[in-house]
N, C-alpha and C. Protein backbone atom coordinates (compact mmCIF):
# COMPACT_ATOMS: atom_id res chain seq x y z
N MET A 1 -73.37 -60.51 -112.21
CA MET A 1 -73.73 -59.07 -112.19
C MET A 1 -72.97 -58.64 -111.37
N ALA A 2 -71.87 -57.95 -111.29
CA ALA A 2 -71.27 -57.36 -109.73
C ALA A 2 -72.02 -56.19 -109.54
N LEU A 3 -72.14 -55.91 -108.14
CA LEU A 3 -72.58 -55.07 -106.99
C LEU A 3 -71.87 -54.25 -106.67
N THR A 4 -70.83 -53.54 -107.51
CA THR A 4 -69.98 -52.72 -107.03
C THR A 4 -70.19 -51.42 -107.44
N THR A 5 -69.19 -50.46 -106.88
CA THR A 5 -69.21 -49.31 -107.48
C THR A 5 -68.27 -48.70 -107.98
N PRO A 6 -68.38 -48.04 -109.15
CA PRO A 6 -67.02 -47.84 -109.89
C PRO A 6 -66.08 -47.08 -108.97
N GLY A 7 -65.04 -47.01 -109.50
CA GLY A 7 -63.93 -45.79 -108.81
C GLY A 7 -64.26 -44.71 -109.13
N SER A 8 -63.98 -43.54 -108.09
CA SER A 8 -63.82 -42.24 -108.42
C SER A 8 -63.14 -41.59 -109.65
N PRO A 9 -63.79 -40.96 -110.20
CA PRO A 9 -62.77 -40.39 -111.65
C PRO A 9 -61.82 -39.19 -111.02
N VAL A 10 -62.13 -38.60 -109.61
CA VAL A 10 -60.72 -38.24 -109.43
C VAL A 10 -59.95 -38.48 -107.69
N ASP A 11 -59.18 -38.70 -107.70
CA ASP A 11 -58.45 -38.60 -106.32
C ASP A 11 -58.48 -37.51 -105.31
N ILE A 12 -59.14 -37.24 -104.81
CA ILE A 12 -59.23 -36.31 -103.82
C ILE A 12 -58.63 -36.51 -103.17
N THR A 13 -57.73 -37.12 -102.42
CA THR A 13 -56.37 -37.09 -101.66
C THR A 13 -55.02 -36.00 -102.66
N GLN A 14 -55.41 -36.40 -103.83
CA GLN A 14 -54.01 -35.40 -104.67
C GLN A 14 -54.93 -34.14 -104.84
N VAL A 15 -56.25 -33.83 -104.80
CA VAL A 15 -56.64 -32.19 -105.11
C VAL A 15 -56.92 -31.49 -103.67
N PHE A 16 -56.87 -32.62 -102.63
CA PHE A 16 -57.08 -31.58 -101.27
C PHE A 16 -55.81 -32.47 -100.30
N PRO A 17 -54.43 -32.54 -100.74
CA PRO A 17 -53.71 -33.59 -99.78
C PRO A 17 -53.63 -33.51 -97.95
N GLU A 18 -54.53 -32.00 -97.63
CA GLU A 18 -55.06 -32.27 -95.99
C GLU A 18 -55.88 -33.07 -95.51
N LEU A 19 -56.62 -33.35 -96.75
CA LEU A 19 -57.55 -34.59 -96.48
C LEU A 19 -57.00 -35.86 -96.09
N SER A 20 -56.23 -36.40 -96.75
CA SER A 20 -55.35 -37.88 -96.37
C SER A 20 -55.27 -38.59 -95.23
N ALA A 21 -55.32 -37.47 -94.47
CA ALA A 21 -55.20 -37.82 -93.02
C ALA A 21 -56.63 -38.51 -92.54
N TYR A 22 -57.35 -38.11 -93.24
CA TYR A 22 -59.00 -38.60 -92.99
C TYR A 22 -59.53 -39.45 -93.43
N ALA A 23 -58.71 -40.11 -94.57
CA ALA A 23 -59.14 -41.27 -95.46
C ALA A 23 -59.17 -42.55 -95.05
N ARG A 24 -60.46 -43.15 -95.02
CA ARG A 24 -60.99 -44.25 -94.31
C ARG A 24 -61.51 -45.52 -95.39
N THR A 25 -61.12 -46.76 -95.44
CA THR A 25 -62.07 -47.77 -95.78
C THR A 25 -63.61 -47.68 -95.61
N THR A 26 -64.41 -47.45 -96.24
CA THR A 26 -65.85 -47.65 -96.53
C THR A 26 -66.63 -48.85 -97.01
N VAL A 27 -67.86 -48.93 -96.59
CA VAL A 27 -68.83 -49.94 -97.10
C VAL A 27 -70.16 -49.00 -98.01
N ARG A 28 -70.31 -49.22 -98.80
CA ARG A 28 -71.50 -48.77 -99.58
C ARG A 28 -72.70 -49.79 -99.84
N LEU A 29 -73.37 -48.82 -99.14
CA LEU A 29 -74.84 -50.28 -99.01
C LEU A 29 -75.71 -49.74 -100.36
N HIS A 30 -76.27 -51.11 -100.88
CA HIS A 30 -77.41 -50.88 -102.11
C HIS A 30 -78.37 -51.81 -101.43
N PRO A 31 -79.28 -51.17 -101.13
CA PRO A 31 -80.69 -52.15 -100.67
C PRO A 31 -81.53 -52.39 -101.99
N ARG A 32 -81.97 -53.75 -101.47
CA ARG A 32 -82.72 -54.15 -102.89
C ARG A 32 -84.25 -54.08 -102.47
N PRO A 33 -85.26 -54.09 -102.86
CA PRO A 33 -86.68 -54.66 -102.26
C PRO A 33 -86.51 -56.32 -102.47
N GLY A 34 -87.44 -56.59 -101.24
CA GLY A 34 -87.27 -57.69 -101.00
C GLY A 34 -88.43 -58.20 -100.43
N THR A 35 -88.78 -59.16 -100.05
CA THR A 35 -89.90 -60.02 -99.55
C THR A 35 -89.25 -60.84 -98.26
N PRO A 36 -89.08 -59.96 -96.92
CA PRO A 36 -88.06 -60.64 -95.91
C PRO A 36 -89.79 -61.49 -95.23
N GLY A 37 -89.46 -62.76 -94.15
CA GLY A 37 -90.25 -62.96 -93.49
C GLY A 37 -90.26 -62.82 -92.17
N ILE A 38 -91.09 -63.10 -91.45
CA ILE A 38 -91.08 -62.43 -90.08
C ILE A 38 -90.04 -62.87 -89.53
N ARG A 39 -89.01 -63.61 -89.35
CA ARG A 39 -88.23 -63.89 -88.83
C ARG A 39 -86.82 -63.07 -89.38
N ASP A 40 -87.23 -62.60 -90.40
CA ASP A 40 -86.13 -61.71 -91.36
C ASP A 40 -85.52 -60.50 -90.44
N SER A 41 -84.50 -59.91 -91.04
CA SER A 41 -84.37 -58.61 -91.06
C SER A 41 -85.17 -57.68 -91.30
N HIS A 42 -85.58 -56.59 -90.35
CA HIS A 42 -86.80 -55.62 -90.49
C HIS A 42 -86.02 -54.40 -91.37
N ILE A 43 -84.84 -54.42 -91.59
CA ILE A 43 -84.47 -53.23 -92.38
C ILE A 43 -84.60 -52.86 -93.99
N GLY A 44 -85.24 -51.92 -94.27
CA GLY A 44 -86.02 -51.81 -95.13
C GLY A 44 -87.27 -53.05 -95.57
N GLY A 45 -87.69 -53.74 -94.72
CA GLY A 45 -88.83 -54.13 -94.83
C GLY A 45 -90.27 -54.31 -93.86
N PRO A 46 -90.92 -55.12 -93.76
CA PRO A 46 -91.98 -55.08 -92.81
C PRO A 46 -91.15 -55.54 -91.17
N LEU A 47 -92.03 -54.93 -90.40
CA LEU A 47 -91.70 -55.04 -88.97
C LEU A 47 -92.68 -56.16 -88.57
N LEU A 48 -91.91 -57.25 -87.58
CA LEU A 48 -92.71 -58.00 -86.51
C LEU A 48 -93.64 -57.03 -85.71
N TRP A 49 -94.74 -56.77 -85.18
CA TRP A 49 -94.88 -55.53 -84.03
C TRP A 49 -96.42 -56.68 -84.11
N PRO A 50 -96.33 -56.78 -82.09
CA PRO A 50 -97.89 -57.36 -81.92
C PRO A 50 -99.12 -56.72 -82.20
N SER A 51 -100.04 -57.69 -82.73
CA SER A 51 -101.32 -57.06 -82.79
C SER A 51 -102.02 -55.92 -81.86
N ASP A 52 -101.92 -56.48 -81.01
CA ASP A 52 -102.51 -55.74 -79.83
C ASP A 52 -101.95 -54.29 -79.65
N GLU A 53 -100.91 -53.94 -80.21
CA GLU A 53 -100.00 -52.35 -79.39
C GLU A 53 -100.78 -51.91 -80.63
N PRO A 54 -100.63 -50.21 -80.50
CA PRO A 54 -100.94 -49.21 -81.64
C PRO A 54 -99.70 -48.88 -82.31
């Protein structure tokens, strides 16, 4: 299963040529639910927090 985003149906720099100077390569993130452990990343998951802290 490919986890990619399909290409844009319109080349925006063809429609608005003045924007071509601002074109950059980007990464689009597709977060998925998971069950991270206590030593794994906390982005989108549970935080490792001391029990005596509010």
